[in-house]
Amino acid sequence: MKKGAAYWMDLHQFDDKDSIFLAKVQKGITNFVRILTEKEIPVEYATTGDSMTDGKTVFIASNIKEDTIDYTVGLALHEASHILLTDFSYLRKEKGKLLEVKWGIPKEDIDNVFTLINFVEDKRIDNFVYSTAPGYQFYYEELYRKSFYNKIIDKNLQKDNFTTPTWEAYFFRIINIFNRNSDVNKLPGLQEIRDLLTFNHINELKSTQDSVKTAVDIYNIIKPYLQNEEDGDEDFNNQERKINIQVERQKDFINSQHKKKRISKTQKTQVNKLAKSDTKLSNYNISKNSNIPTIITYDWEHYFTSKLKPCEKAVENGLFLGKKLLSKLQNRNNIRKDIFENQKKGKLNTNKLFKATFKEDIFYKIEKEDYKNTFIHISLDLSGSMRGNKLEKTIQTAVAIAYASCYLKNFDVEISLRGTFRSSKNQQQTPLLAYSFNSKKNNVKDLNKFKALITCGMTPEGICLDEVRKNLPKPSYYQEVFLLNISDGLPNINSTAYNFNTSINHTAKVIRQYKRDNIGVLSYYIHDVWDKTQNAEDTFGRMYGKDAKYIDVNNISHVGKTINDMLLSNTIKVF
């Protein structure tokens, strides 16, 4: 049975330097933090410093791998619990003056006492998680396993090392006091300290102030026995140096200081946008042994827009053409009614009752015809080669159809954009499917957002179309469903897992599934005169069969005429 992060993400499928991977981890941890604390506590990757939190935000390292992610989750939950439960303002006062004034702690001991305070406070808040959120215990176990349990620590706990009562010896023994190899007889006062740190006692601590008092009590137990570091024997000092790194790591954990691999501010901005957007980050299964990371998003403006508004004129033209298309389709708003007189059965015609004695047919019936519900999903290729005239003409056409759908009953349009997103240092292109318009949710004003549309990457055709298919409404007697595909090239994402032949065959397979699902397919390969090739036309035909259309970009208005004819022909009888 999978545990921890292995349960909710396929770690081995991602490049750990990939912004998509980092965003998915960040999003998952943020959700855990929100569930645990019932607060919107930000979780972000560190760009500076070693602190895990500033009291408001949890900072995590970017060097996340399959064997460290559960530790990272546990650490984030631990620090989020601090934000929820620890009174940081009070601690700052304690370290400033209160320890010295209120508790009589000598200046030279304040830093050490403060480490004891953090240690006790850790125990208090971790007890909170164990008590209120047992489902997160696995992450905490991984956190403490990596931070506190290792062979070097175990070995030195068993030996007669760290038995001279110095601060370092006490820290070593106290921090690891619940290790199975711990021996409370190694230093004076350890048994009494252990009693203060038992579950029952920690459970009674209800505030940071309580943790401070307990830490001061521990200090008062230690104080009578403390010796200066130089008074320790030579053997102890040698042993101390051998495990110093491990002990310092433990103290860093207690003081919320962790060496973290950082990311650039630029990548952090990118990751934050990915994590906060309405975006699904998943693996697409090409085959049994081949998965491709894929972005599916409704936050399309993050990927496909520019402040320059290169499609402003195209949208305006599209709105104008949409009005013309609407005028031609107005009949779809009307129900056609035919009345048939002189029927032997049906509704009684009261005007003919006087003829009843002459055995005349005095009944009539009414037959009504309405247009079927029609749902068209328009999938637009927004790869780099679509820029310029092809992009403008395509947007013009899509906007026109979408405009008409906003005013016609029983006609809905959804538009998606497809391209790729380069999110890792190895320049890997990640398939990107962005849902940009739905006439059931959006209105005509939203079409103006297309003015800022730009192209983005390459052509993950089959992957995106298959994802679209999974979310389309089901065709029925009352509803027709169509895919309208507009592209200027063949599938390609510059990936060994989705190379030219694989992508062609996969797209053809996806289209066959559309047809098995009774979804109509209209696919247009648009081209300029200069890029028309017989090979491309043949390959496009392999993918889409008889539904493949190869048209000059300047004749793309043909698409609107096809939609017009189709919408005015699909009637059904209604009663």
Protein backbone atom coordinates (compact mmCIF):
# COMPACT_ATOMS: atom_id res chain seq x y z
CA MET A 1 0.00 0.00 0.00
CA LYS A 2 1.31 3.43 -1.01
CA LYS A 3 1.97 5.91 1.77
CA GLY A 4 2.70 9.60 1.94
CA ALA A 5 3.39 11.49 -1.27
CA ALA A 6 3.55 8.25 -3.28
CA TYR A 7 -0.21 8.07 -2.79
CA TRP A 8 -0.99 11.40 -4.44
CA MET A 9 1.70 11.90 -7.09
CA ASP A 10 3.96 9.92 -9.40
CA LEU A 11 7.28 11.23 -8.22
CA HIS A 12 9.51 9.34 -10.61
CA GLN A 13 7.76 10.79 -13.65
CA PHE A 14 8.94 14.33 -13.08
CA ASP A 15 12.15 16.25 -13.37
CA ASP A 16 12.78 17.62 -9.88
CA LYS A 17 14.03 20.89 -11.41
CA ASP A 18 10.80 21.26 -13.37
CA SER A 19 8.52 24.12 -12.39
CA ILE A 20 5.50 21.88 -12.94
CA PHE A 21 6.82 19.33 -10.48
CA LEU A 22 7.70 22.01 -7.94
CA ALA A 23 4.28 23.61 -8.34
CA LYS A 24 2.50 20.32 -7.83
CA VAL A 25 4.46 19.65 -4.64
CA GLN A 26 3.83 23.20 -3.42
CA LYS A 27 0.13 22.93 -4.17
CA GLY A 28 -0.14 19.59 -2.38
CA ILE A 29 1.70 20.82 0.71
CA THR A 30 -0.35 24.03 0.78
CA ASN A 31 -3.54 21.95 0.81
CA PHE A 32 -2.22 19.83 3.68
CA VAL A 33 -1.29 22.95 5.64
CA ARG A 34 -4.74 24.45 5.06
CA ILE A 35 -6.48 21.26 6.22
CA LEU A 36 -4.27 20.96 9.30
CA THR A 37 -4.41 24.58 10.44
CA GLU A 38 -7.73 25.67 8.91
CA LYS A 39 -5.86 28.80 7.84
CA GLU A 40 -4.57 30.10 4.51
CA ILE A 41 -0.87 29.87 5.33
CA PRO A 42 1.36 30.43 2.26
CA VAL A 43 3.89 27.75 1.35
CA GLU A 44 6.71 28.96 -0.90
CA TYR A 45 10.14 27.88 -2.09
CA ALA A 46 13.05 29.64 -0.47
CA THR A 47 15.08 32.16 -2.45
CA THR A 48 17.16 33.43 0.49
CA GLY A 49 18.10 32.47 4.04
CA ASP A 50 17.83 29.25 6.03
CA SER A 51 14.79 30.01 8.17
CA MET A 52 11.77 27.74 7.70
CA THR A 53 9.26 30.43 8.59
CA ASP A 54 8.97 34.14 9.26
CA GLY A 55 5.88 33.55 11.37
CA LYS A 56 3.56 34.06 8.38
CA THR A 57 4.91 31.90 5.53
CA VAL A 58 6.40 28.40 5.39
CA PHE A 59 9.56 28.22 3.25
CA ILE A 60 10.59 24.89 1.74
CA ALA A 61 13.66 23.71 -0.17
CA SER A 62 13.53 22.97 -3.89
CA ASN A 63 15.78 19.88 -3.80
CA ILE A 64 12.80 17.55 -3.53
CA LYS A 65 13.28 13.97 -4.59
CA GLU A 66 11.37 10.74 -4.24
CA ASP A 67 13.11 9.86 -0.96
CA THR A 68 12.81 13.35 0.59
CA ILE A 69 9.35 14.61 -0.26
CA ASP A 70 7.63 13.03 2.76
CA TYR A 71 10.27 14.64 4.98
CA THR A 72 9.57 17.97 3.26
CA VAL A 73 5.82 17.61 3.81
CA GLY A 74 6.40 16.78 7.48
CA LEU A 75 8.73 19.75 7.92
CA ALA A 76 6.21 22.11 6.31
CA LEU A 77 3.39 20.81 8.54
CA HIS A 78 5.66 21.20 11.57
CA GLU A 79 6.43 24.82 10.74
CA ALA A 80 2.82 25.59 9.85
CA SER A 81 1.85 24.31 13.30
CA HIS A 82 4.33 26.81 14.74
CA ILE A 83 2.58 29.61 12.84
CA LEU A 84 -0.75 28.40 14.20
CA LEU A 85 0.26 27.78 17.82
CA THR A 86 3.51 29.56 18.66
CA ASP A 87 3.47 33.08 20.06
CA PHE A 88 6.45 34.48 18.15
CA SER A 89 6.03 37.93 19.66
CA TYR A 90 6.34 36.50 23.17
CA LEU A 91 9.44 34.51 22.18
CA ARG A 92 11.11 37.63 20.83
CA LYS A 93 10.49 39.33 24.17
CA GLU A 94 11.86 36.32 26.04
CA LYS A 95 15.06 36.33 24.08
CA GLY A 96 15.37 40.06 24.47
CA LYS A 97 14.90 40.78 28.15
CA LEU A 98 12.45 38.47 29.92
CA LEU A 99 14.76 35.47 30.25
CA GLU A 100 17.32 37.62 32.00
CA VAL A 101 14.93 39.81 34.02
CA LYS A 102 12.02 37.48 34.80
CA TRP A 103 13.84 34.16 35.08
CA GLY A 104 17.29 35.29 36.11
CA ILE A 105 19.09 33.58 33.25
CA PRO A 106 22.70 34.76 32.84
CA LYS A 107 23.44 36.45 29.52
CA GLU A 108 25.95 33.76 28.57
CA ASP A 109 23.24 31.05 28.88
CA ILE A 110 20.37 32.80 27.07
CA ASP A 111 21.07 31.32 23.61
CA ASN A 112 21.27 27.81 25.07
CA VAL A 113 18.10 28.27 27.11
CA PHE A 114 16.36 29.56 24.01
CA THR A 115 17.29 26.34 22.19
CA LEU A 116 15.69 24.43 25.09
CA ILE A 117 12.56 26.59 24.70
CA ASN A 118 12.36 25.76 20.99
CA PHE A 119 12.83 22.07 21.78
CA VAL A 120 9.95 22.02 24.28
CA GLU A 121 7.76 24.12 21.98
CA ASP A 122 8.43 21.60 19.17
CA LYS A 123 7.22 18.81 21.42
CA ARG A 124 4.08 20.77 22.30
CA ILE A 125 3.02 21.55 18.74
CA ASP A 126 3.94 18.08 17.45
CA ASN A 127 1.73 16.61 20.13
CA PHE A 128 -1.05 18.80 18.76
CA VAL A 129 -0.70 17.25 15.29
CA TYR A 130 -0.49 13.72 16.61
CA SER A 131 -3.62 14.31 18.67
CA THR A 132 -5.75 16.17 16.12
CA ALA A 133 -4.54 14.88 12.74
CA PRO A 134 -3.37 11.25 13.00
CA GLY A 135 -3.51 10.98 9.20
CA TYR A 136 -0.37 13.11 9.01
CA GLN A 137 1.67 11.00 11.43
CA PHE A 138 3.50 9.24 8.59
CA TYR A 139 4.98 12.55 7.42
CA TYR A 140 6.13 13.34 10.95
CA GLU A 141 7.71 9.92 11.29
CA GLU A 142 9.72 10.59 8.12
CA LEU A 143 10.63 14.04 9.41
CA TYR A 144 12.04 12.73 12.68
CA ARG A 145 13.62 9.68 11.08
CA LYS A 146 15.76 11.90 8.84
CA SER A 147 16.40 14.57 11.47
CA PHE A 148 17.04 12.59 14.63
CA TYR A 149 17.62 8.93 13.94
CA ASN A 150 20.81 7.67 12.36
CA LYS A 151 23.57 5.20 13.11
CA ILE A 152 26.07 7.83 14.29
CA ILE A 153 23.66 9.15 16.93
CA ASP A 154 22.66 5.64 18.03
CA LYS A 155 26.27 4.52 18.37
CA ASN A 156 27.30 7.48 20.50
CA LEU A 157 24.26 7.20 22.75
CA GLN A 158 25.31 3.65 23.60
CA LYS A 159 28.90 4.62 24.45
CA ASP A 160 30.18 6.48 27.45
CA ASN A 161 30.64 9.60 25.37
CA PHE A 162 29.01 12.89 26.28
CA THR A 163 28.96 12.09 29.97
CA THR A 164 30.77 15.17 31.20
CA PRO A 165 28.01 17.66 32.21
CA THR A 166 28.61 20.40 29.65
CA TRP A 167 26.01 22.19 27.54
CA GLU A 168 26.89 20.14 24.46
CA ALA A 169 26.64 16.89 26.37
CA TYR A 170 23.26 17.84 27.82
CA PHE A 171 21.96 18.96 24.44
CA PHE A 172 23.04 15.69 22.89
CA ARG A 173 21.37 13.64 25.61
CA ILE A 174 18.18 15.76 25.90
CA ILE A 175 17.50 16.09 22.18
CA ASN A 176 17.76 12.32 21.83
CA ILE A 177 16.20 11.44 25.18
CA PHE A 178 13.45 9.30 23.61
CA ASN A 179 15.82 7.41 21.35
CA ARG A 180 15.68 3.70 22.19
CA ASN A 181 19.44 3.82 22.87
CA SER A 182 19.14 6.68 25.37
CA ASP A 183 20.39 6.11 28.94
CA VAL A 184 19.19 8.65 31.54
CA ASN A 185 21.99 7.58 33.87
CA LYS A 186 24.68 9.06 31.63
CA LEU A 187 24.24 12.56 33.04
CA PRO A 188 22.87 13.87 36.36
CA GLY A 189 19.29 15.13 36.20
CA LEU A 190 18.39 13.37 32.93
CA GLN A 191 15.70 11.22 34.55
CA GLU A 192 14.02 14.32 35.99
CA ILE A 193 14.23 16.03 32.60
CA ARG A 194 12.74 12.99 30.89
CA ASP A 195 9.79 13.13 33.32
CA LEU A 196 9.16 16.74 32.25
CA LEU A 197 9.07 15.69 28.60
CA THR A 198 6.69 12.72 28.83
CA PHE A 199 3.52 12.74 26.79
CA ASN A 200 1.32 13.42 29.80
CA HIS A 201 3.31 16.47 30.86
CA ILE A 202 3.66 17.85 27.31
CA ASN A 203 -0.07 17.37 26.83
CA GLU A 204 -0.66 19.78 29.72
CA LEU A 205 1.24 22.58 27.97
CA LYS A 206 -1.34 24.86 26.39
CA SER A 207 0.74 27.85 25.30
CA THR A 208 4.19 29.09 24.34
CA GLN A 209 4.43 30.59 27.82
CA ASP A 210 4.02 27.08 29.27
CA SER A 211 6.83 25.82 27.03
CA VAL A 212 9.10 28.63 28.25
CA LYS A 213 8.44 27.72 31.89
CA THR A 214 9.19 24.03 31.23
CA ALA A 215 12.43 24.93 29.44
CA VAL A 216 13.48 27.12 32.38
CA ASP A 217 12.71 24.20 34.72
CA ILE A 218 15.03 22.01 32.63
CA TYR A 219 17.71 24.70 32.81
CA ASN A 220 17.41 24.86 36.59
CA ILE A 221 17.89 21.06 36.74
CA ILE A 222 21.03 21.30 34.59
CA LYS A 223 22.54 24.45 36.12
CA PRO A 224 24.03 22.97 39.34
CA TYR A 225 25.92 20.33 37.33
CA LEU A 226 27.20 22.41 34.43
CA GLN A 227 30.92 22.51 33.76
CA ASN A 228 32.76 24.71 31.32
CA GLU A 229 33.47 23.15 27.96
CA GLU A 230 37.24 23.32 28.50
CA ASP A 231 36.84 21.27 31.67
CA GLY A 232 35.74 18.25 29.68
CA ASP A 233 38.22 15.48 29.08
CA GLU A 234 40.15 15.13 25.85
CA ASP A 235 38.31 11.98 24.84
CA PHE A 236 34.97 13.79 25.03
CA ASN A 237 36.20 16.66 22.90
CA ASN A 238 37.45 14.26 20.24
CA GLN A 239 34.16 12.39 20.19
CA GLU A 240 32.27 15.67 20.05
CA ARG A 241 34.08 16.68 16.91
CA LYS A 242 33.18 13.39 15.22
CA ILE A 243 29.41 13.81 15.57
CA ASN A 244 29.28 17.58 15.67
CA ILE A 245 27.66 17.77 12.22
CA GLN A 246 24.81 15.49 13.29
CA VAL A 247 24.21 17.34 16.55
CA GLU A 248 24.27 20.72 14.82
CA ARG A 249 21.72 19.46 12.31
CA GLN A 250 19.45 18.49 15.18
CA LYS A 251 19.88 21.89 16.81
CA ASP A 252 19.21 23.62 13.48
CA PHE A 253 15.97 21.68 13.23
CA ILE A 254 14.96 22.76 16.73
CA ASN A 255 15.76 26.39 15.92
CA SER A 256 13.90 26.21 12.56
CA GLN A 257 17.11 26.70 10.60
CA HIS A 258 17.58 24.38 7.64
CA LYS A 259 20.04 24.45 4.78
CA LYS A 260 17.79 24.72 1.76
CA LYS A 261 18.38 24.52 -1.95
CA ARG A 262 16.99 27.74 -3.34
CA ILE A 263 15.37 28.68 -6.61
CA SER A 264 15.67 31.93 -8.52
CA LYS A 265 13.12 34.66 -7.97
CA THR A 266 12.08 34.26 -11.61
CA GLN A 267 11.35 30.56 -11.24
CA LYS A 268 9.64 31.17 -7.90
CA THR A 269 7.24 33.59 -9.60
CA GLN A 270 6.54 30.99 -12.28
CA VAL A 271 6.00 28.21 -9.72
CA ASN A 272 3.70 30.38 -7.58
CA LYS A 273 1.51 31.18 -10.57
CA LEU A 274 1.29 27.52 -11.51
CA ALA A 275 0.47 26.44 -7.97
CA LYS A 276 -2.17 29.13 -7.40
CA SER A 277 -3.89 28.87 -10.77
CA ASP A 278 -6.87 26.71 -11.65
CA THR A 279 -4.47 24.14 -13.04
CA LYS A 280 -4.28 20.37 -13.02
CA LEU A 281 -0.81 18.88 -13.19
CA SER A 282 -0.89 15.26 -14.26
CA ASN A 283 0.74 12.46 -16.22
CA TYR A 284 -0.75 11.44 -19.54
CA ASN A 285 -0.40 7.73 -20.32
CA ILE A 286 0.74 7.29 -23.92
CA SER A 287 1.36 3.62 -23.38
CA LYS A 288 1.91 1.15 -20.58
CA ASN A 289 5.47 2.29 -20.01
CA SER A 290 5.30 5.85 -21.26
CA ASN A 291 3.88 8.83 -19.38
CA ILE A 292 4.10 12.50 -20.32
CA PRO A 293 3.64 15.30 -17.75
CA THR A 294 0.74 17.49 -18.89
CA ILE A 295 -0.78 20.83 -17.85
CA ILE A 296 -4.56 21.21 -17.96
CA THR A 297 -5.71 24.67 -16.99
CA TYR A 298 -8.56 27.19 -16.97
CA ASP A 299 -6.08 29.95 -16.19
CA TRP A 300 -5.35 30.30 -19.90
CA GLU A 301 -4.40 33.97 -19.82
CA HIS A 302 -1.24 33.09 -17.86
CA TYR A 303 0.12 31.12 -20.83
CA PHE A 304 -1.39 32.51 -24.03
CA THR A 305 -1.62 36.28 -23.69
CA SER A 306 0.50 39.37 -24.21
CA LYS A 307 0.00 43.03 -23.30
CA LEU A 308 0.57 43.89 -26.97
CA LYS A 309 -2.84 42.48 -28.03
CA PRO A 310 -1.73 41.10 -31.43
CA CYS A 311 -5.23 39.72 -32.19
CA GLU A 312 -7.20 42.90 -31.47
CA LYS A 313 -8.28 43.39 -35.09
CA ALA A 314 -9.01 39.66 -35.49
CA VAL A 315 -11.42 39.69 -32.53
CA GLU A 316 -13.19 42.81 -33.80
CA ASN A 317 -13.61 41.19 -37.23
CA GLY A 318 -14.80 38.01 -35.54
CA LEU A 319 -17.47 39.86 -33.56
CA PHE A 320 -18.68 41.50 -36.79
CA LEU A 321 -18.84 38.16 -38.61
CA GLY A 322 -20.51 36.63 -35.56
CA LYS A 323 -23.39 39.08 -35.90
CA LYS A 324 -23.81 38.11 -39.55
CA LEU A 325 -23.70 34.41 -38.66
CA LEU A 326 -26.28 35.00 -35.94
CA SER A 327 -28.70 36.65 -38.36
CA LYS A 328 -28.52 33.56 -40.59
CA LEU A 329 -29.13 31.25 -37.65
CA GLN A 330 -32.03 33.09 -36.03
CA ASN A 331 -34.41 30.35 -37.14
CA ARG A 332 -32.83 28.14 -34.48
CA ASN A 333 -34.68 30.23 -31.91
CA ASN A 334 -38.04 29.33 -33.43
CA ILE A 335 -40.05 26.13 -33.19
CA ARG A 336 -41.65 25.15 -36.50
CA LYS A 337 -45.30 24.13 -36.10
CA ASP A 338 -47.42 22.30 -38.73
CA ILE A 339 -51.20 21.75 -38.33
CA PHE A 340 -52.83 18.80 -40.07
CA GLU A 341 -56.64 19.07 -40.47
CA ASN A 342 -59.29 16.41 -41.13
CA GLN A 343 -57.69 13.69 -39.09
CA LYS A 344 -59.54 10.62 -37.81
CA LYS A 345 -57.96 11.11 -34.37
CA GLY A 346 -56.12 13.81 -32.47
CA LYS A 347 -57.47 17.01 -31.01
CA LEU A 348 -61.16 17.82 -31.55
CA ASN A 349 -61.84 20.66 -34.00
CA THR A 350 -64.88 22.35 -32.43
CA ASN A 351 -65.53 24.34 -35.61
CA LYS A 352 -66.44 21.10 -37.37
CA LEU A 353 -68.79 19.63 -34.79
CA PHE A 354 -71.81 20.46 -36.97
CA LYS A 355 -70.48 17.95 -39.52
CA ALA A 356 -70.25 15.13 -37.05
CA THR A 357 -73.54 13.58 -38.18
CA PHE A 358 -72.19 13.35 -41.72
CA LYS A 359 -69.21 11.23 -40.59
CA GLU A 360 -66.65 13.87 -41.49
CA ASP A 361 -63.12 13.74 -40.02
CA ILE A 362 -63.34 16.37 -37.31
CA PHE A 363 -59.94 16.00 -35.60
CA TYR A 364 -56.59 17.72 -36.14
CA LYS A 365 -53.02 17.23 -34.96
CA ILE A 366 -50.05 19.52 -34.50
CA GLU A 367 -46.49 18.48 -35.23
CA LYS A 368 -43.63 20.60 -33.87
CA GLU A 369 -40.03 20.59 -34.97
CA ASP A 370 -37.18 22.09 -33.00
CA TYR A 371 -33.43 22.11 -33.49
CA LYS A 372 -31.31 19.63 -31.63
CA ASN A 373 -29.06 20.78 -28.84
CA THR A 374 -25.67 21.23 -30.43
CA PHE A 375 -22.40 21.38 -28.54
CA ILE A 376 -19.24 22.27 -30.45
CA HIS A 377 -15.80 22.11 -28.89
CA ILE A 378 -13.33 24.22 -30.87
CA SER A 379 -9.73 23.08 -30.36
CA LEU A 380 -7.20 25.60 -31.59
CA ASP A 381 -3.58 24.85 -32.40
CA LEU A 382 -1.59 27.69 -30.84
CA SER A 383 1.88 26.36 -31.58
CA GLY A 384 4.56 28.81 -32.67
CA SER A 385 3.98 28.27 -36.40
CA MET A 386 0.42 29.62 -36.08
CA ARG A 387 1.61 33.17 -35.45
CA GLY A 388 0.69 35.94 -37.85
CA ASN A 389 -2.03 35.63 -40.45
CA LYS A 390 -2.99 32.06 -39.53
CA LEU A 391 -3.56 32.96 -35.88
CA GLU A 392 -5.59 36.06 -36.78
CA LYS A 393 -7.86 34.22 -39.25
CA THR A 394 -8.34 31.32 -36.83
CA ILE A 395 -9.28 33.59 -33.92
CA GLN A 396 -11.60 35.54 -36.18
CA THR A 397 -13.47 32.35 -37.07
CA ALA A 398 -13.60 30.96 -33.52
CA VAL A 399 -14.86 34.29 -32.12
CA ALA A 400 -17.60 34.47 -34.78
CA ILE A 401 -18.93 31.01 -33.90
CA ALA A 402 -18.67 31.68 -30.18
CA TYR A 403 -20.48 35.00 -30.55
CA ALA A 404 -23.45 33.33 -32.23
CA SER A 405 -23.64 30.68 -29.51
CA CYS A 406 -24.15 33.39 -26.88
CA TYR A 407 -27.50 34.38 -28.44
CA LEU A 408 -28.88 31.13 -29.75
CA LYS A 409 -30.80 28.58 -27.74
CA ASN A 410 -29.72 24.95 -27.85
CA PHE A 411 -26.28 25.88 -29.15
CA ASP A 412 -23.19 25.93 -26.95
CA VAL A 413 -19.54 26.45 -27.81
CA GLU A 414 -16.41 25.64 -25.84
CA ILE A 415 -12.95 26.75 -26.94
CA SER A 416 -9.64 25.25 -25.86
CA LEU A 417 -6.10 26.25 -26.76
CA ARG A 418 -3.23 23.81 -27.06
CA GLY A 419 0.50 24.31 -27.07
CA THR A 420 3.47 23.48 -24.86
CA PHE A 421 5.11 25.00 -21.82
CA ARG A 422 8.86 24.95 -21.28
CA SER A 423 9.23 24.54 -17.57
CA SER A 424 12.56 22.84 -16.92
CA LYS A 425 16.23 23.52 -17.43
CA ASN A 426 16.51 20.69 -19.97
CA GLN A 427 14.17 22.59 -22.33
CA GLN A 428 11.56 19.83 -22.22
CA GLN A 429 8.28 20.90 -23.78
CA THR A 430 5.29 20.01 -21.60
CA PRO A 431 1.87 19.59 -23.29
CA LEU A 432 -0.51 22.40 -22.35
CA LEU A 433 -4.31 22.33 -22.69
CA ALA A 434 -6.07 25.57 -21.73
CA TYR A 435 -9.86 25.94 -21.61
CA SER A 436 -10.52 29.55 -22.60
CA PHE A 437 -14.27 29.99 -23.29
CA ASN A 438 -17.58 28.26 -22.61
CA SER A 439 -20.85 29.89 -23.69
CA LYS A 440 -22.62 28.30 -20.69
CA LYS A 441 -20.31 30.19 -18.30
CA ASN A 442 -18.92 33.11 -20.27
CA ASN A 443 -20.46 35.96 -22.26
CA VAL A 444 -19.63 38.03 -25.33
CA LYS A 445 -17.48 40.44 -23.31
CA ASP A 446 -15.13 37.57 -22.43
CA LEU A 447 -14.30 37.12 -26.12
CA ASN A 448 -12.44 40.44 -25.97
CA LYS A 449 -9.78 38.70 -23.89
CA PHE A 450 -8.73 36.89 -27.07
CA LYS A 451 -7.30 40.18 -28.34
CA ALA A 452 -4.17 39.41 -26.31
CA LEU A 453 -3.73 35.85 -27.64
CA ILE A 454 -0.26 34.69 -28.62
CA THR A 455 1.18 31.35 -29.71
CA CYS A 456 2.93 29.08 -27.25
CA GLY A 457 5.33 26.24 -28.03
CA MET A 458 4.64 23.10 -30.03
CA THR A 459 1.76 20.78 -31.03
CA PRO A 460 0.66 18.08 -28.53
CA GLU A 461 -2.41 17.32 -30.64
CA GLY A 462 -3.47 13.81 -29.63
CA ILE A 463 -2.77 14.32 -25.93
CA CYS A 464 -4.90 17.47 -25.73
CA LEU A 465 -7.71 16.13 -27.91
CA ASP A 466 -7.98 12.99 -25.80
CA GLU A 467 -8.23 15.06 -22.63
CA VAL A 468 -10.95 17.17 -24.27
CA ARG A 469 -12.86 14.03 -25.28
CA LYS A 470 -13.02 12.79 -21.69
CA ASN A 471 -14.87 15.94 -20.61
CA LEU A 472 -17.33 16.38 -23.49
CA PRO A 473 -21.09 15.91 -22.95
CA LYS A 474 -22.58 12.63 -24.19
CA PRO A 475 -24.31 12.64 -27.59
CA SER A 476 -27.97 11.55 -27.63
CA TYR A 477 -31.14 11.76 -29.69
CA TYR A 478 -31.62 15.28 -28.34
CA GLN A 479 -28.01 16.45 -28.51
CA GLU A 480 -25.25 16.41 -31.09
CA VAL A 481 -21.64 16.86 -30.04
CA PHE A 482 -18.84 17.96 -32.37
CA LEU A 483 -15.13 18.52 -32.27
CA LEU A 484 -13.94 21.36 -34.50
CA ASN A 485 -10.18 21.18 -34.83
CA ILE A 486 -8.08 23.88 -36.49
CA SER A 487 -4.35 23.26 -36.94
CA ASP A 488 -1.50 24.24 -39.18
CA GLY A 489 0.90 21.41 -38.49
CA LEU A 490 1.48 17.88 -37.40
CA PRO A 491 1.80 16.70 -33.78
CA ASN A 492 5.19 17.24 -32.18
CA ILE A 493 6.52 18.14 -28.71
CA ASN A 494 10.20 17.35 -29.24
CA SER A 495 10.04 14.33 -26.96
CA THR A 496 11.37 10.80 -27.45
CA ALA A 497 8.18 9.52 -25.81
CA TYR A 498 6.04 11.47 -28.30
CA ASN A 499 8.09 11.57 -31.47
CA PHE A 500 6.70 12.10 -34.97
CA ASN A 501 5.46 8.56 -35.68
CA THR A 502 4.19 7.99 -32.14
CA SER A 503 2.27 11.27 -32.15
CA ILE A 504 0.68 10.62 -35.56
CA ASN A 505 -0.47 7.12 -34.60
CA HIS A 506 -1.67 8.30 -31.19
CA THR A 507 -3.71 11.17 -32.65
CA ALA A 508 -5.31 8.79 -35.18
CA LYS A 509 -6.20 6.45 -32.30
CA VAL A 510 -7.79 9.31 -30.36
CA ILE A 511 -9.89 10.39 -33.36
CA ARG A 512 -11.13 6.82 -33.82
CA GLN A 513 -12.30 6.91 -30.21
CA TYR A 514 -14.18 10.16 -30.91
CA LYS A 515 -16.09 8.40 -33.66
CA ARG A 516 -16.82 5.37 -31.47
CA ASP A 517 -18.27 7.85 -28.95
CA ASN A 518 -20.54 9.23 -31.73
CA ILE A 519 -18.85 12.61 -31.57
CA GLY A 520 -18.70 14.35 -34.93
CA VAL A 521 -15.25 15.49 -36.09
CA LEU A 522 -14.52 18.51 -38.28
CA SER A 523 -10.79 18.95 -38.73
CA TYR A 524 -9.15 21.69 -40.77
CA TYR A 525 -5.51 21.88 -41.73
CA ILE A 526 -4.94 25.51 -42.62
CA HIS A 527 -1.94 26.58 -44.67
CA ASP A 528 -0.35 29.43 -46.51
CA VAL A 529 0.59 28.85 -50.12
CA TRP A 530 4.24 28.41 -49.22
CA ASP A 531 3.75 25.62 -46.66
CA LYS A 532 1.38 23.34 -48.59
CA THR A 533 2.96 19.90 -49.06
CA GLN A 534 1.46 16.65 -50.26
CA ASN A 535 3.20 14.74 -47.47
CA ALA A 536 1.60 16.89 -44.78
CA GLU A 537 -1.80 16.55 -46.43
CA ASP A 538 -1.48 12.77 -46.57
CA THR A 539 -0.34 12.54 -42.96
CA PHE A 540 -3.21 14.76 -41.81
CA GLY A 541 -5.55 12.45 -43.67
CA ARG A 542 -4.08 9.46 -41.83
CA MET A 543 -5.06 11.06 -38.54
CA TYR A 544 -8.54 12.37 -39.38
CA GLY A 545 -9.66 10.21 -42.30
CA LYS A 546 -12.56 11.54 -44.38
CA ASP A 547 -13.09 14.33 -41.86
CA ALA A 548 -9.78 15.99 -42.75
CA LYS A 549 -10.09 19.28 -44.62
CA TYR A 550 -7.09 21.03 -46.15
CA ILE A 551 -7.79 24.72 -46.78
CA ASP A 552 -5.97 27.94 -47.50
CA VAL A 553 -5.94 30.26 -44.50
CA ASN A 554 -7.63 32.99 -46.55
CA ASN A 555 -10.59 30.68 -47.16
CA ILE A 556 -11.13 29.81 -43.51
CA SER A 557 -14.57 31.50 -43.67
CA HIS A 558 -15.62 28.17 -45.18
CA VAL A 559 -15.60 26.82 -41.62
CA GLY A 560 -18.32 29.28 -40.60
CA LYS A 561 -20.46 28.30 -43.61
CA THR A 562 -20.12 24.62 -42.71
CA ILE A 563 -21.24 25.34 -39.14
CA ASN A 564 -24.16 27.42 -40.46
CA ASP A 565 -25.41 24.62 -42.73
CA MET A 566 -24.98 22.02 -40.03
CA LEU A 567 -26.89 23.98 -37.39
CA LEU A 568 -29.87 24.59 -39.67
CA SER A 569 -30.25 20.94 -40.64
CA ASN A 570 -30.29 19.07 -37.33
CA THR A 571 -33.99 19.17 -36.38
CA ILE A 572 -36.00 16.77 -34.24
CA LYS A 573 -39.72 16.32 -33.57
CA VAL A 574 -40.94 17.61 -30.22
CA PHE A 575 -44.27 16.99 -28.50
